[in-house]
Amino acid sequence: RSNDPETIEAVEKLGIDTICITVENAQ
């Protein structure tokens, strides 16, 4: 999810890519 930057930072330190998704409407 897009609103958890702390987890994103920790995961990327493992050398694993991250993709954040936001899904609140059709677009």
mmCIF file of all heavy atoms, coordinates in Angstrom:
data_MODEL
# 
_entry.id   MODEL 
# 
loop_
_atom_site.group_PDB 
_atom_site.id 
_atom_site.type_symbol 
_atom_site.label_atom_id 
_atom_site.label_alt_id 
_atom_site.label_comp_id 
_atom_site.label_asym_id 
_atom_site.label_entity_id 
_atom_site.label_seq_id 
_atom_site.pdbx_PDB_ins_code 
_atom_site.Cartn_x 
_atom_site.Cartn_y 
_atom_site.Cartn_z 
_atom_site.occupancy 
_atom_site.B_iso_or_equiv 
_atom_site.pdbx_formal_charge 
_atom_site.auth_seq_id 
_atom_site.auth_comp_id 
_atom_site.auth_asym_id 
_atom_site.auth_atom_id 
_atom_site.pdbx_PDB_model_num 
ATOM 1   N N   . ARG A 1 1  ? 0.830   -1.198 0.000   1.00 0.00 ? 1  ARG A N   1 
ATOM 2   C CA  . ARG A 1 1  ? 0.000   0.000  0.000   1.00 0.00 ? 1  ARG A CA  1 
ATOM 3   C C   . ARG A 1 1  ? 0.870   1.256  0.000   1.00 0.00 ? 1  ARG A C   1 
ATOM 4   O O   . ARG A 1 1  ? 2.013   1.238  0.460   1.00 0.00 ? 1  ARG A O   1 
ATOM 5   C CB  . ARG A 1 1  ? -0.950  -0.010 1.186   1.00 0.00 ? 1  ARG A CB  1 
ATOM 6   C CG  . ARG A 1 1  ? -0.296  -0.196 2.533   1.00 0.00 ? 1  ARG A CG  1 
ATOM 7   C CD  . ARG A 1 1  ? -1.331  -0.463 3.627   1.00 0.00 ? 1  ARG A CD  1 
ATOM 8   N NE  . ARG A 1 1  ? -0.718  -0.840 4.880   1.00 0.00 ? 1  ARG A NE  1 
ATOM 9   C CZ  . ARG A 1 1  ? -0.321  -0.004 5.817   1.00 0.00 ? 1  ARG A CZ  1 
ATOM 10  N NH1 . ARG A 1 1  ? -0.481  1.308  5.630   1.00 0.00 ? 1  ARG A NH1 1 
ATOM 11  N NH2 . ARG A 1 1  ? 0.217   -0.439 6.936   1.00 0.00 ? 1  ARG A NH2 1 
ATOM 12  N N   . SER A 1 2  ? 0.293   2.349  -0.468  1.00 0.00 ? 2  SER A N   1 
ATOM 13  C CA  . SER A 1 2  ? 1.074   3.566  -0.683  1.00 0.00 ? 2  SER A CA  1 
ATOM 14  C C   . SER A 1 2  ? 1.361   4.356  0.586   1.00 0.00 ? 2  SER A C   1 
ATOM 15  O O   . SER A 1 2  ? 2.261   5.209  0.572   1.00 0.00 ? 2  SER A O   1 
ATOM 16  C CB  . SER A 1 2  ? 0.343   4.475  -1.676  1.00 0.00 ? 2  SER A CB  1 
ATOM 17  O OG  . SER A 1 2  ? 0.252   3.864  -2.939  1.00 0.00 ? 2  SER A OG  1 
ATOM 18  N N   . ASN A 1 3  ? 0.632   4.110  1.651   1.00 0.00 ? 3  ASN A N   1 
ATOM 19  C CA  . ASN A 1 3  ? 0.761   4.953  2.837   1.00 0.00 ? 3  ASN A CA  1 
ATOM 20  C C   . ASN A 1 3  ? 1.562   4.307  3.963   1.00 0.00 ? 3  ASN A C   1 
ATOM 21  O O   . ASN A 1 3  ? 1.250   4.477  5.143   1.00 0.00 ? 3  ASN A O   1 
ATOM 22  C CB  . ASN A 1 3  ? -0.625  5.366  3.341   1.00 0.00 ? 3  ASN A CB  1 
ATOM 23  C CG  . ASN A 1 3  ? -1.511  4.177  3.681   1.00 0.00 ? 3  ASN A CG  1 
ATOM 24  O OD1 . ASN A 1 3  ? -1.180  3.041  3.354   1.00 0.00 ? 3  ASN A OD1 1 
ATOM 25  N ND2 . ASN A 1 3  ? -2.635  4.430  4.341   1.00 0.00 ? 3  ASN A ND2 1 
ATOM 26  N N   . ASP A 1 4  ? 2.601   3.544  3.597   1.00 0.00 ? 4  ASP A N   1 
ATOM 27  C CA  . ASP A 1 4  ? 3.439   2.896  4.600   1.00 0.00 ? 4  ASP A CA  1 
ATOM 28  C C   . ASP A 1 4  ? 4.916   3.026  4.200   1.00 0.00 ? 4  ASP A C   1 
ATOM 29  O O   . ASP A 1 4  ? 5.582   2.038  3.892   1.00 0.00 ? 4  ASP A O   1 
ATOM 30  C CB  . ASP A 1 4  ? 3.045   1.426  4.744   1.00 0.00 ? 4  ASP A CB  1 
ATOM 31  C CG  . ASP A 1 4  ? 3.782   0.717  5.864   1.00 0.00 ? 4  ASP A CG  1 
ATOM 32  O OD1 . ASP A 1 4  ? 4.468   1.399  6.655   1.00 0.00 ? 4  ASP A OD1 1 
ATOM 33  O OD2 . ASP A 1 4  ? 3.694   -0.523 5.943   1.00 0.00 ? 4  ASP A OD2 1 
ATOM 34  N N   . PRO A 1 5  ? 5.469   4.253  4.203   1.00 0.00 ? 5  PRO A N   1 
ATOM 35  C CA  . PRO A 1 5  ? 6.845   4.464  3.743   1.00 0.00 ? 5  PRO A CA  1 
ATOM 36  C C   . PRO A 1 5  ? 7.889   3.757  4.595   1.00 0.00 ? 5  PRO A C   1 
ATOM 37  O O   . PRO A 1 5  ? 8.955   3.393  4.076   1.00 0.00 ? 5  PRO A O   1 
ATOM 38  C CB  . PRO A 1 5  ? 7.009   5.991  3.812   1.00 0.00 ? 5  PRO A CB  1 
ATOM 39  C CG  . PRO A 1 5  ? 5.972   6.455  4.789   1.00 0.00 ? 5  PRO A CG  1 
ATOM 40  C CD  . PRO A 1 5  ? 4.813   5.522  4.606   1.00 0.00 ? 5  PRO A CD  1 
ATOM 41  N N   . GLU A 1 6  ? 7.618   3.543  5.879   1.00 0.00 ? 6  GLU A N   1 
ATOM 42  C CA  . GLU A 1 6  ? 8.594   2.877  6.742   1.00 0.00 ? 6  GLU A CA  1 
ATOM 43  C C   . GLU A 1 6  ? 8.866   1.449  6.263   1.00 0.00 ? 6  GLU A C   1 
ATOM 44  O O   . GLU A 1 6  ? 10.015  1.003  6.209   1.00 0.00 ? 6  GLU A O   1 
ATOM 45  C CB  . GLU A 1 6  ? 8.105   2.865  8.193   1.00 0.00 ? 6  GLU A CB  1 
ATOM 46  C CG  . GLU A 1 6  ? 8.044   4.223  8.852   1.00 0.00 ? 6  GLU A CG  1 
ATOM 47  C CD  . GLU A 1 6  ? 6.769   4.982  8.521   1.00 0.00 ? 6  GLU A CD  1 
ATOM 48  O OE1 . GLU A 1 6  ? 5.877   4.388  7.856   1.00 0.00 ? 6  GLU A OE1 1 
ATOM 49  O OE2 . GLU A 1 6  ? 6.656   6.162  8.906   1.00 0.00 ? 6  GLU A OE2 1 
ATOM 50  N N   . THR A 1 7  ? 7.780   0.730  5.919   1.00 0.00 ? 7  THR A N   1 
ATOM 51  C CA  . THR A 1 7  ? 7.953   -0.636 5.424   1.00 0.00 ? 7  THR A CA  1 
ATOM 52  C C   . THR A 1 7  ? 8.682   -0.643 4.088   1.00 0.00 ? 7  THR A C   1 
ATOM 53  O O   . THR A 1 7  ? 9.559   -1.479 3.858   1.00 0.00 ? 7  THR A O   1 
ATOM 54  C CB  . THR A 1 7  ? 6.584   -1.332 5.282   1.00 0.00 ? 7  THR A CB  1 
ATOM 55  O OG1 . THR A 1 7  ? 6.010   -1.498 6.577   1.00 0.00 ? 7  THR A OG1 1 
ATOM 56  C CG2 . THR A 1 7  ? 6.727   -2.696 4.621   1.00 0.00 ? 7  THR A CG2 1 
ATOM 57  N N   . ILE A 1 8  ? 8.328   0.280  3.219   1.00 0.00 ? 8  ILE A N   1 
ATOM 58  C CA  . ILE A 1 8  ? 8.988   0.364  1.905   1.00 0.00 ? 8  ILE A CA  1 
ATOM 59  C C   . ILE A 1 8  ? 10.492  0.543  2.082   1.00 0.00 ? 8  ILE A C   1 
ATOM 60  O O   . ILE A 1 8  ? 11.307  -0.133 1.422   1.00 0.00 ? 8  ILE A O   1 
ATOM 61  C CB  . ILE A 1 8  ? 8.402   1.532  1.082   1.00 0.00 ? 8  ILE A CB  1 
ATOM 62  C CG1 . ILE A 1 8  ? 6.918   1.297  0.805   1.00 0.00 ? 8  ILE A CG1 1 
ATOM 63  C CG2 . ILE A 1 8  ? 9.170   1.706  -0.223  1.00 0.00 ? 8  ILE A CG2 1 
ATOM 64  C CD1 . ILE A 1 8  ? 6.597   0.016  0.084   1.00 0.00 ? 8  ILE A CD1 1 
ATOM 65  N N   . GLU A 1 9  ? 10.885  1.424  2.978   1.00 0.00 ? 9  GLU A N   1 
ATOM 66  C CA  . GLU A 1 9  ? 12.315  1.672  3.209   1.00 0.00 ? 9  GLU A CA  1 
ATOM 67  C C   . GLU A 1 9  ? 13.009  0.421  3.746   1.00 0.00 ? 9  GLU A C   1 
ATOM 68  O O   . GLU A 1 9  ? 14.112  0.069  3.298   1.00 0.00 ? 9  GLU A O   1 
ATOM 69  C CB  . GLU A 1 9  ? 12.476  2.823  4.202   1.00 0.00 ? 9  GLU A CB  1 
ATOM 70  C CG  . GLU A 1 9  ? 13.929  3.189  4.488   1.00 0.00 ? 9  GLU A CG  1 
ATOM 71  C CD  . GLU A 1 9  ? 14.066  4.342  5.468   1.00 0.00 ? 9  GLU A CD  1 
ATOM 72  O OE1 . GLU A 1 9  ? 13.022  4.885  5.902   1.00 0.00 ? 9  GLU A OE1 1 
ATOM 73  O OE2 . GLU A 1 9  ? 15.214  4.698  5.804   1.00 0.00 ? 9  GLU A OE2 1 
ATOM 74  N N   . ALA A 1 10 ? 12.369  -0.267 4.674   1.00 0.00 ? 10 ALA A N   1 
ATOM 75  C CA  . ALA A 1 10 ? 12.970  -1.471 5.265   1.00 0.00 ? 10 ALA A CA  1 
ATOM 76  C C   . ALA A 1 10 ? 13.119  -2.575 4.240   1.00 0.00 ? 10 ALA A C   1 
ATOM 77  O O   . ALA A 1 10 ? 14.139  -3.280 4.207   1.00 0.00 ? 10 ALA A O   1 
ATOM 78  C CB  . ALA A 1 10 ? 12.117  -1.945 6.440   1.00 0.00 ? 10 ALA A CB  1 
ATOM 79  N N   . VAL A 1 11 ? 12.107  -2.745 3.376   1.00 0.00 ? 11 VAL A N   1 
ATOM 80  C CA  . VAL A 1 11 ? 12.153  -3.805 2.367   1.00 0.00 ? 11 VAL A CA  1 
ATOM 81  C C   . VAL A 1 11 ? 13.233  -3.517 1.328   1.00 0.00 ? 11 VAL A C   1 
ATOM 82  O O   . VAL A 1 11 ? 13.967  -4.422 0.904   1.00 0.00 ? 11 VAL A O   1 
ATOM 83  C CB  . VAL A 1 11 ? 10.774  -3.954 1.691   1.00 0.00 ? 11 VAL A CB  1 
ATOM 84  C CG1 . VAL A 1 11 ? 10.863  -4.886 0.477   1.00 0.00 ? 11 VAL A CG1 1 
ATOM 85  C CG2 . VAL A 1 11 ? 9.755   -4.491 2.687   1.00 0.00 ? 11 VAL A CG2 1 
ATOM 86  N N   . GLU A 1 12 ? 13.362  -2.279 0.929   1.00 0.00 ? 12 GLU A N   1 
ATOM 87  C CA  . GLU A 1 12 ? 14.366  -1.949 -0.082  1.00 0.00 ? 12 GLU A CA  1 
ATOM 88  C C   . GLU A 1 12 ? 15.780  -2.119 0.446   1.00 0.00 ? 12 GLU A C   1 
ATOM 89  O O   . GLU A 1 12 ? 16.713  -2.346 -0.328  1.00 0.00 ? 12 GLU A O   1 
ATOM 90  C CB  . GLU A 1 12 ? 14.125  -0.535 -0.606  1.00 0.00 ? 12 GLU A CB  1 
ATOM 91  C CG  . GLU A 1 12 ? 12.831  -0.453 -1.426  1.00 0.00 ? 12 GLU A CG  1 
ATOM 92  C CD  . GLU A 1 12 ? 12.702  0.833  -2.208  1.00 0.00 ? 12 GLU A CD  1 
ATOM 93  O OE1 . GLU A 1 12 ? 13.253  1.854  -1.773  1.00 0.00 ? 12 GLU A OE1 1 
ATOM 94  O OE2 . GLU A 1 12 ? 12.025  0.796  -3.259  1.00 0.00 ? 12 GLU A OE2 1 
ATOM 95  N N   . LYS A 1 13 ? 15.964  -2.043 1.762   1.00 0.00 ? 13 LYS A N   1 
ATOM 96  C CA  . LYS A 1 13 ? 17.275  -2.316 2.341   1.00 0.00 ? 13 LYS A CA  1 
ATOM 97  C C   . LYS A 1 13 ? 17.661  -3.787 2.189   1.00 0.00 ? 13 LYS A C   1 
ATOM 98  O O   . LYS A 1 13 ? 18.838  -4.140 2.277   1.00 0.00 ? 13 LYS A O   1 
ATOM 99  C CB  . LYS A 1 13 ? 17.286  -1.918 3.821   1.00 0.00 ? 13 LYS A CB  1 
ATOM 100 C CG  . LYS A 1 13 ? 17.333  -0.409 4.040   1.00 0.00 ? 13 LYS A CG  1 
ATOM 101 C CD  . LYS A 1 13 ? 17.373  -0.057 5.522   1.00 0.00 ? 13 LYS A CD  1 
ATOM 102 C CE  . LYS A 1 13 ? 17.437  1.443  5.731   1.00 0.00 ? 13 LYS A CE  1 
ATOM 103 N NZ  . LYS A 1 13 ? 17.425  1.808  7.175   1.00 0.00 ? 13 LYS A NZ  1 
ATOM 104 N N   . LEU A 1 14 ? 16.643  -4.635 1.967   1.00 0.00 ? 14 LEU A N   1 
ATOM 105 C CA  . LEU A 1 14 ? 16.905  -6.054 1.710   1.00 0.00 ? 14 LEU A CA  1 
ATOM 106 C C   . LEU A 1 14 ? 17.279  -6.303 0.253   1.00 0.00 ? 14 LEU A C   1 
ATOM 107 O O   . LEU A 1 14 ? 17.580  -7.436 -0.130  1.00 0.00 ? 14 LEU A O   1 
ATOM 108 C CB  . LEU A 1 14 ? 15.674  -6.895 2.057   1.00 0.00 ? 14 LEU A CB  1 
ATOM 109 C CG  . LEU A 1 14 ? 15.220  -6.922 3.514   1.00 0.00 ? 14 LEU A CG  1 
ATOM 110 C CD1 . LEU A 1 14 ? 13.927  -7.713 3.655   1.00 0.00 ? 14 LEU A CD1 1 
ATOM 111 C CD2 . LEU A 1 14 ? 16.304  -7.511 4.398   1.00 0.00 ? 14 LEU A CD2 1 
ATOM 112 N N   . GLY A 1 15 ? 17.255  -5.248 -0.566  1.00 0.00 ? 15 GLY A N   1 
ATOM 113 C CA  . GLY A 1 15 ? 17.547  -5.412 -1.986  1.00 0.00 ? 15 GLY A CA  1 
ATOM 114 C C   . GLY A 1 15 ? 16.361  -5.907 -2.779  1.00 0.00 ? 15 GLY A C   1 
ATOM 115 O O   . GLY A 1 15 ? 16.501  -6.388 -3.897  1.00 0.00 ? 15 GLY A O   1 
ATOM 116 N N   . ILE A 1 16 ? 15.167  -5.788 -2.209  1.00 0.00 ? 16 ILE A N   1 
ATOM 117 C CA  . ILE A 1 16 ? 13.936  -6.219 -2.870  1.00 0.00 ? 16 ILE A CA  1 
ATOM 118 C C   . ILE A 1 16 ? 13.203  -4.983 -3.379  1.00 0.00 ? 16 ILE A C   1 
ATOM 119 O O   . ILE A 1 16 ? 13.022  -4.010 -2.646  1.00 0.00 ? 16 ILE A O   1 
ATOM 120 C CB  . ILE A 1 16 ? 13.048  -7.015 -1.895  1.00 0.00 ? 16 ILE A CB  1 
ATOM 121 C CG1 . ILE A 1 16 ? 13.759  -8.298 -1.463  1.00 0.00 ? 16 ILE A CG1 1 
ATOM 122 C CG2 . ILE A 1 16 ? 11.691  -7.339 -2.524  1.00 0.00 ? 16 ILE A CG2 1 
ATOM 123 C CD1 . ILE A 1 16 ? 13.052  -9.057 -0.351  1.00 0.00 ? 16 ILE A CD1 1 
ATOM 124 N N   . ASP A 1 17 ? 12.799  -5.006 -4.643  1.00 0.00 ? 17 ASP A N   1 
ATOM 125 C CA  . ASP A 1 17 ? 12.032  -3.899 -5.194  1.00 0.00 ? 17 ASP A CA  1 
ATOM 126 C C   . ASP A 1 17 ? 10.707  -3.749 -4.457  1.00 0.00 ? 17 ASP A C   1 
ATOM 127 O O   . ASP A 1 17 ? 10.194  -4.713 -3.865  1.00 0.00 ? 17 ASP A O   1 
ATOM 128 C CB  . ASP A 1 17 ? 11.725  -4.131 -6.680  1.00 0.00 ? 17 ASP A CB  1 
ATOM 129 C CG  . ASP A 1 17 ? 12.946  -3.959 -7.577  1.00 0.00 ? 17 ASP A CG  1 
ATOM 130 O OD1 . ASP A 1 17 ? 13.965  -3.428 -7.095  1.00 0.00 ? 17 ASP A OD1 1 
ATOM 131 O OD2 . ASP A 1 17 ? 12.866  -4.346 -8.754  1.00 0.00 ? 17 ASP A OD2 1 
ATOM 132 N N   . THR A 1 18 ? 10.145  -2.560 -4.518  1.00 0.00 ? 18 THR A N   1 
ATOM 133 C CA  . THR A 1 18 ? 8.805   -2.338 -3.975  1.00 0.00 ? 18 THR A CA  1 
ATOM 134 C C   . THR A 1 18 ? 7.972   -1.570 -4.978  1.00 0.00 ? 18 THR A C   1 
ATOM 135 O O   . THR A 1 18 ? 8.467   -0.689 -5.680  1.00 0.00 ? 18 THR A O   1 
ATOM 136 C CB  . THR A 1 18 ? 8.856   -1.531 -2.654  1.00 0.00 ? 18 THR A CB  1 
ATOM 137 O OG1 . THR A 1 18 ? 9.563   -0.305 -2.874  1.00 0.00 ? 18 THR A OG1 1 
ATOM 138 C CG2 . THR A 1 18 ? 9.528   -2.317 -1.552  1.00 0.00 ? 18 THR A CG2 1 
ATOM 139 N N   . ILE A 1 19 ? 6.698   -1.930 -5.061  1.00 0.00 ? 19 ILE A N   1 
ATOM 140 C CA  . ILE A 1 19 ? 5.727   -1.188 -5.862  1.00 0.00 ? 19 ILE A CA  1 
ATOM 141 C C   . ILE A 1 19 ? 4.572   -0.821 -4.953  1.00 0.00 ? 19 ILE A C   1 
ATOM 142 O O   . ILE A 1 19 ? 3.961   -1.695 -4.327  1.00 0.00 ? 19 ILE A O   1 
ATOM 143 C CB  . ILE A 1 19 ? 5.220   -2.011 -7.055  1.00 0.00 ? 19 ILE A CB  1 
ATOM 144 C CG1 . ILE A 1 19 ? 6.333   -2.213 -8.084  1.00 0.00 ? 19 ILE A CG1 1 
ATOM 145 C CG2 . ILE A 1 19 ? 4.024   -1.321 -7.717  1.00 0.00 ? 19 ILE A CG2 1 
ATOM 146 C CD1 . ILE A 1 19 ? 5.916   -3.048 -9.285  1.00 0.00 ? 19 ILE A CD1 1 
ATOM 147 N N   . CYS A 1 20 ? 4.280   0.466  -4.862  1.00 0.00 ? 20 CYS A N   1 
ATOM 148 C CA  . CYS A 1 20 ? 3.149   0.938  -4.069  1.00 0.00 ? 20 CYS A CA  1 
ATOM 149 C C   . CYS A 1 20 ? 1.929   1.092  -4.972  1.00 0.00 ? 20 CYS A C   1 
ATOM 150 O O   . CYS A 1 20 ? 2.045   1.570  -6.100  1.00 0.00 ? 20 CYS A O   1 
ATOM 151 C CB  . CYS A 1 20 ? 3.475   2.286  -3.434  1.00 0.00 ? 20 CYS A CB  1 
ATOM 152 S SG  . CYS A 1 20 ? 4.798   2.215  -2.217  1.00 0.00 ? 20 CYS A SG  1 
ATOM 153 N N   . ILE A 1 21 ? 0.774   0.676  -4.472  1.00 0.00 ? 21 ILE A N   1 
ATOM 154 C CA  . ILE A 1 21 ? -0.449  0.831  -5.244  1.00 0.00 ? 21 ILE A CA  1 
ATOM 155 C C   . ILE A 1 21 ? -1.483  1.605  -4.446  1.00 0.00 ? 21 ILE A C   1 
ATOM 156 O O   . ILE A 1 21 ? -1.593  1.462  -3.233  1.00 0.00 ? 21 ILE A O   1 
ATOM 157 C CB  . ILE A 1 21 ? -1.022  -0.528 -5.708  1.00 0.00 ? 21 ILE A CB  1 
ATOM 158 C CG1 . ILE A 1 21 ? -1.327  -1.445 -4.525  1.00 0.00 ? 21 ILE A CG1 1 
ATOM 159 C CG2 . ILE A 1 21 ? -0.066  -1.216 -6.667  1.00 0.00 ? 21 ILE A CG2 1 
ATOM 160 C CD1 . ILE A 1 21 ? -2.005  -2.754 -4.927  1.00 0.00 ? 21 ILE A CD1 1 
ATOM 161 N N   . THR A 1 22 ? -2.217  2.458  -5.155  1.00 0.00 ? 22 THR A N   1 
ATOM 162 C CA  . THR A 1 22 ? -3.341  3.212  -4.600  1.00 0.00 ? 22 THR A CA  1 
ATOM 163 C C   . THR A 1 22 ? -4.556  2.869  -5.438  1.00 0.00 ? 22 THR A C   1 
ATOM 164 O O   . THR A 1 22 ? -4.516  2.993  -6.666  1.00 0.00 ? 22 THR A O   1 
ATOM 165 C CB  . THR A 1 22 ? -3.082  4.731  -4.672  1.00 0.00 ? 22 THR A CB  1 
ATOM 166 O OG1 . THR A 1 22 ? -1.900  5.031  -3.918  1.00 0.00 ? 22 THR A OG1 1 
ATOM 167 C CG2 . THR A 1 22 ? -4.258  5.507  -4.113  1.00 0.00 ? 22 THR A CG2 1 
ATOM 168 N N   . VAL A 1 23 ? -5.638  2.428  -4.821  1.00 0.00 ? 23 VAL A N   1 
ATOM 169 C CA  . VAL A 1 23 ? -6.793  1.933  -5.587  1.00 0.00 ? 23 VAL A CA  1 
ATOM 170 C C   . VAL A 1 23 ? -8.095  2.421  -4.955  1.00 0.00 ? 23 VAL A C   1 
ATOM 171 O O   . VAL A 1 23 ? -8.783  1.669  -4.279  1.00 0.00 ? 23 VAL A O   1 
ATOM 172 C CB  . VAL A 1 23 ? -6.782  0.387  -5.694  1.00 0.00 ? 23 VAL A CB  1 
ATOM 173 C CG1 . VAL A 1 23 ? -5.898  -0.078 -6.818  1.00 0.00 ? 23 VAL A CG1 1 
ATOM 174 C CG2 . VAL A 1 23 ? -6.285  -0.263 -4.392  1.00 0.00 ? 23 VAL A CG2 1 
ATOM 175 N N   . GLU A 1 24 ? -8.440  3.658  -5.202  1.00 0.00 ? 24 GLU A N   1 
ATOM 176 C CA  . GLU A 1 24 ? -9.639  4.230  -4.607  1.00 0.00 ? 24 GLU A CA  1 
ATOM 177 C C   . GLU A 1 24 ? -10.685 4.668  -5.634  1.00 0.00 ? 24 GLU A C   1 
ATOM 178 O O   . GLU A 1 24 ? -11.714 5.223  -5.270  1.00 0.00 ? 24 GLU A O   1 
ATOM 179 C CB  . GLU A 1 24 ? -9.269  5.426  -3.716  1.00 0.00 ? 24 GLU A CB  1 
ATOM 180 C CG  . GLU A 1 24 ? -8.360  5.078  -2.541  1.00 0.00 ? 24 GLU A CG  1 
ATOM 181 C CD  . GLU A 1 24 ? -8.979  4.109  -1.541  1.00 0.00 ? 24 GLU A CD  1 
ATOM 182 O OE1 . GLU A 1 24 ? -10.192 3.847  -1.628  1.00 0.00 ? 24 GLU A OE1 1 
ATOM 183 O OE2 . GLU A 1 24 ? -8.232  3.600  -0.681  1.00 0.00 ? 24 GLU A OE2 1 
ATOM 184 N N   . ASN A 1 25 ? -10.424 4.451  -6.912  1.00 0.00 ? 25 ASN A N   1 
ATOM 185 C CA  . ASN A 1 25 ? -11.406 4.774  -7.950  1.00 0.00 ? 25 ASN A CA  1 
ATOM 186 C C   . ASN A 1 25 ? -11.031 4.039  -9.229  1.00 0.00 ? 25 ASN A C   1 
ATOM 187 O O   . ASN A 1 25 ? -10.037 3.306  -9.265  1.00 0.00 ? 25 ASN A O   1 
ATOM 188 C CB  . ASN A 1 25 ? -11.487 6.294  -8.192  1.00 0.00 ? 25 ASN A CB  1 
ATOM 189 C CG  . ASN A 1 25 ? -10.134 6.911  -8.508  1.00 0.00 ? 25 ASN A CG  1 
ATOM 190 O OD1 . ASN A 1 25 ? -9.407  6.419  -9.361  1.00 0.00 ? 25 ASN A OD1 1 
ATOM 191 N ND2 . ASN A 1 25 ? -9.794  7.987  -7.814  1.00 0.00 ? 25 ASN A ND2 1 
ATOM 192 N N   . ALA A 1 26 ? -11.821 4.234  -10.278 1.00 0.00 ? 26 ALA A N   1 
ATOM 193 C CA  . ALA A 1 26 ? -11.612 3.499  -11.524 1.00 0.00 ? 26 ALA A CA  1 
ATOM 194 C C   . ALA A 1 26 ? -10.242 3.778  -12.126 1.00 0.00 ? 26 ALA A C   1 
ATOM 195 O O   . ALA A 1 26 ? -9.551  2.859  -12.598 1.00 0.00 ? 26 ALA A O   1 
ATOM 196 C CB  . ALA A 1 26 ? -12.711 3.850  -12.526 1.00 0.00 ? 26 ALA A CB  1 
ATOM 197 N N   . GLN A 1 27 ? -9.820  5.044  -12.133 1.00 0.00 ? 27 GLN A N   1 
ATOM 198 C CA  . GLN A 1 27 ? -8.521  5.373  -12.722 1.00 0.00 ? 27 GLN A CA  1 
ATOM 199 C C   . GLN A 1 27 ? -7.381  4.733  -11.947 1.00 0.00 ? 27 GLN A C   1 
ATOM 200 O O   . GLN A 1 27 ? -6.396  4.265  -12.533 1.00 0.00 ? 27 GLN A O   1 
ATOM 201 C CB  . GLN A 1 27 ? -8.335  6.893  -12.782 1.00 0.00 ? 27 GLN A CB  1 
ATOM 202 C CG  . GLN A 1 27 ? -7.116  7.323  -13.597 1.00 0.00 ? 27 GLN A CG  1 
ATOM 203 C CD  . GLN A 1 27 ? -7.158  6.814  -15.027 1.00 0.00 ? 27 GLN A CD  1 
ATOM 204 O OE1 . GLN A 1 27 ? -8.120  7.049  -15.745 1.00 0.00 ? 27 GLN A OE1 1 
ATOM 205 N NE2 . GLN A 1 27 ? -6.123  6.095  -15.443 1.00 0.00 ? 27 GLN A NE2 1 
# 
